[in-house]
Amino acid sequence: MSEPIDDQPEYVPDPEKEKQAKAVHFTVSIIRLLGVVLVMLGLAIVLDRLPPVPSPAGYVLIILGLAQMWVAPVWIIRKYVRARVAEEAMAKAAEGTDQP
């Protein structure tokens, strides 16, 4: 914070990167929502609200839904962040090799 606010460069967002981030956010939100639906369906099966379906199938759906709500979004976000970091590193490397 040694520089005054007026001397700091202004942040200009990249529209393409923002578009990618919004797509990842939307995908993660939908995956979490579908995970909640799986958990609710599994609970309905376990509580015999859907009689022709055996209870073990409900437990499997609950486990899959919980994994879809907690594990899958973290995995997707990590892959996205790793790709972005690798992309920025490649851009910096390209800038370094272009200059004599």
Protein backbone atom coordinates (compact mmCIF):
# COMPACT_ATOMS: atom_id res chain seq x y z
CA MET A 1 0.00 0.00 0.00
CA SER A 2 2.96 2.33 -0.55
CA GLU A 3 1.53 3.60 -3.84
CA PRO A 4 -1.35 6.05 -3.78
CA ILE A 5 -4.60 4.70 -5.17
CA ASP A 6 -4.40 6.97 -8.23
CA ASP A 7 -1.00 5.55 -9.25
CA GLN A 8 -2.04 1.90 -9.22
CA PRO A 9 -2.94 0.36 -12.59
CA GLU A 10 -6.66 -0.04 -13.20
CA TYR A 11 -7.96 -3.60 -13.36
CA VAL A 12 -9.58 -4.35 -16.70
CA PRO A 13 -11.35 -7.72 -16.74
CA ASP A 14 -10.93 -10.01 -19.72
CA PRO A 15 -14.41 -10.74 -21.15
CA GLU A 16 -13.41 -14.21 -22.35
CA LYS A 17 -12.08 -15.24 -18.93
CA GLU A 18 -15.20 -13.86 -17.24
CA LYS A 19 -17.36 -15.84 -19.65
CA GLN A 20 -15.44 -19.03 -18.78
CA ALA A 21 -15.73 -18.34 -15.04
CA LYS A 22 -19.49 -17.78 -15.34
CA ALA A 23 -19.85 -21.05 -17.25
CA VAL A 24 -17.92 -22.93 -14.54
CA HIS A 25 -20.02 -21.30 -11.82
CA PHE A 26 -23.25 -22.24 -13.63
CA THR A 27 -22.06 -25.82 -14.13
CA VAL A 28 -21.10 -26.21 -10.48
CA SER A 29 -24.45 -24.78 -9.37
CA ILE A 30 -26.40 -27.21 -11.56
CA ILE A 31 -24.31 -30.16 -10.37
CA ARG A 32 -24.96 -29.24 -6.73
CA LEU A 33 -28.68 -28.84 -7.40
CA LEU A 34 -28.84 -32.25 -9.06
CA GLY A 35 -26.98 -33.69 -6.07
CA VAL A 36 -29.69 -32.32 -3.76
CA VAL A 37 -32.33 -33.93 -6.00
CA LEU A 38 -30.52 -37.29 -5.78
CA VAL A 39 -30.33 -37.06 -1.98
CA MET A 40 -34.04 -36.25 -1.76
CA LEU A 41 -34.93 -39.12 -4.09
CA GLY A 42 -32.74 -41.48 -2.08
CA LEU A 43 -34.40 -40.39 1.16
CA ALA A 44 -37.83 -40.95 -0.37
CA ILE A 45 -36.80 -44.46 -1.37
CA VAL A 46 -35.30 -45.26 2.04
CA LEU A 47 -38.43 -43.98 3.82
CA ASP A 48 -40.63 -46.25 1.61
CA ARG A 49 -42.33 -43.37 -0.19
CA LEU A 50 -41.57 -45.21 -3.45
CA PRO A 51 -42.60 -48.81 -2.54
CA PRO A 52 -41.43 -50.83 -5.58
CA VAL A 53 -37.82 -49.65 -5.17
CA PRO A 54 -35.62 -51.50 -2.61
CA SER A 55 -34.00 -49.52 0.22
CA PRO A 56 -30.36 -50.24 -0.76
CA ALA A 57 -30.94 -48.33 -3.98
CA GLY A 58 -31.97 -45.33 -1.89
CA TYR A 59 -28.76 -45.50 0.15
CA VAL A 60 -26.74 -45.63 -3.06
CA LEU A 61 -28.55 -42.55 -4.38
CA ILE A 62 -27.92 -40.70 -1.11
CA ILE A 63 -24.19 -41.45 -1.27
CA LEU A 64 -24.01 -40.45 -4.95
CA GLY A 65 -25.94 -37.26 -4.27
CA LEU A 66 -23.67 -36.27 -1.39
CA ALA A 67 -20.60 -36.94 -3.52
CA GLN A 68 -22.13 -34.89 -6.32
CA MET A 69 -22.82 -32.00 -3.95
CA TRP A 70 -19.41 -31.93 -2.25
CA VAL A 71 -16.74 -33.77 -4.23
CA ALA A 72 -17.61 -33.06 -7.87
CA PRO A 73 -17.75 -29.23 -7.57
CA VAL A 74 -14.39 -29.10 -5.79
CA TRP A 75 -12.86 -31.32 -8.47
CA ILE A 76 -14.28 -29.17 -11.29
CA ILE A 77 -13.10 -25.91 -9.72
CA ARG A 78 -9.62 -27.29 -9.09
CA LYS A 79 -9.32 -28.39 -12.73
CA TYR A 80 -10.47 -24.94 -13.86
CA VAL A 81 -8.00 -23.13 -11.61
CA ARG A 82 -5.13 -25.40 -12.66
CA ALA A 83 -5.93 -24.74 -16.32
CA ARG A 84 -6.00 -20.99 -15.70
CA VAL A 85 -2.68 -21.05 -13.81
CA ALA A 86 -1.07 -23.12 -16.55
CA GLU A 87 -2.46 -20.72 -19.18
CA GLU A 88 -1.03 -17.70 -17.37
CA ALA A 89 2.34 -19.41 -16.90
CA MET A 90 2.49 -20.19 -20.61
CA ALA A 91 1.62 -16.57 -21.42
CA LYS A 92 4.38 -15.29 -19.12
CA ALA A 93 6.87 -17.74 -20.63
CA ALA A 94 5.90 -16.61 -24.12
CA GLU A 95 6.39 -12.96 -23.12
CA GLY A 96 9.82 -13.79 -21.70
CA THR A 97 11.02 -15.55 -24.86
CA ASP A 98 9.77 -12.83 -27.22
CA GLN A 99 11.93 -10.13 -25.64
CA PRO A 100 15.70 -10.20 -26.44
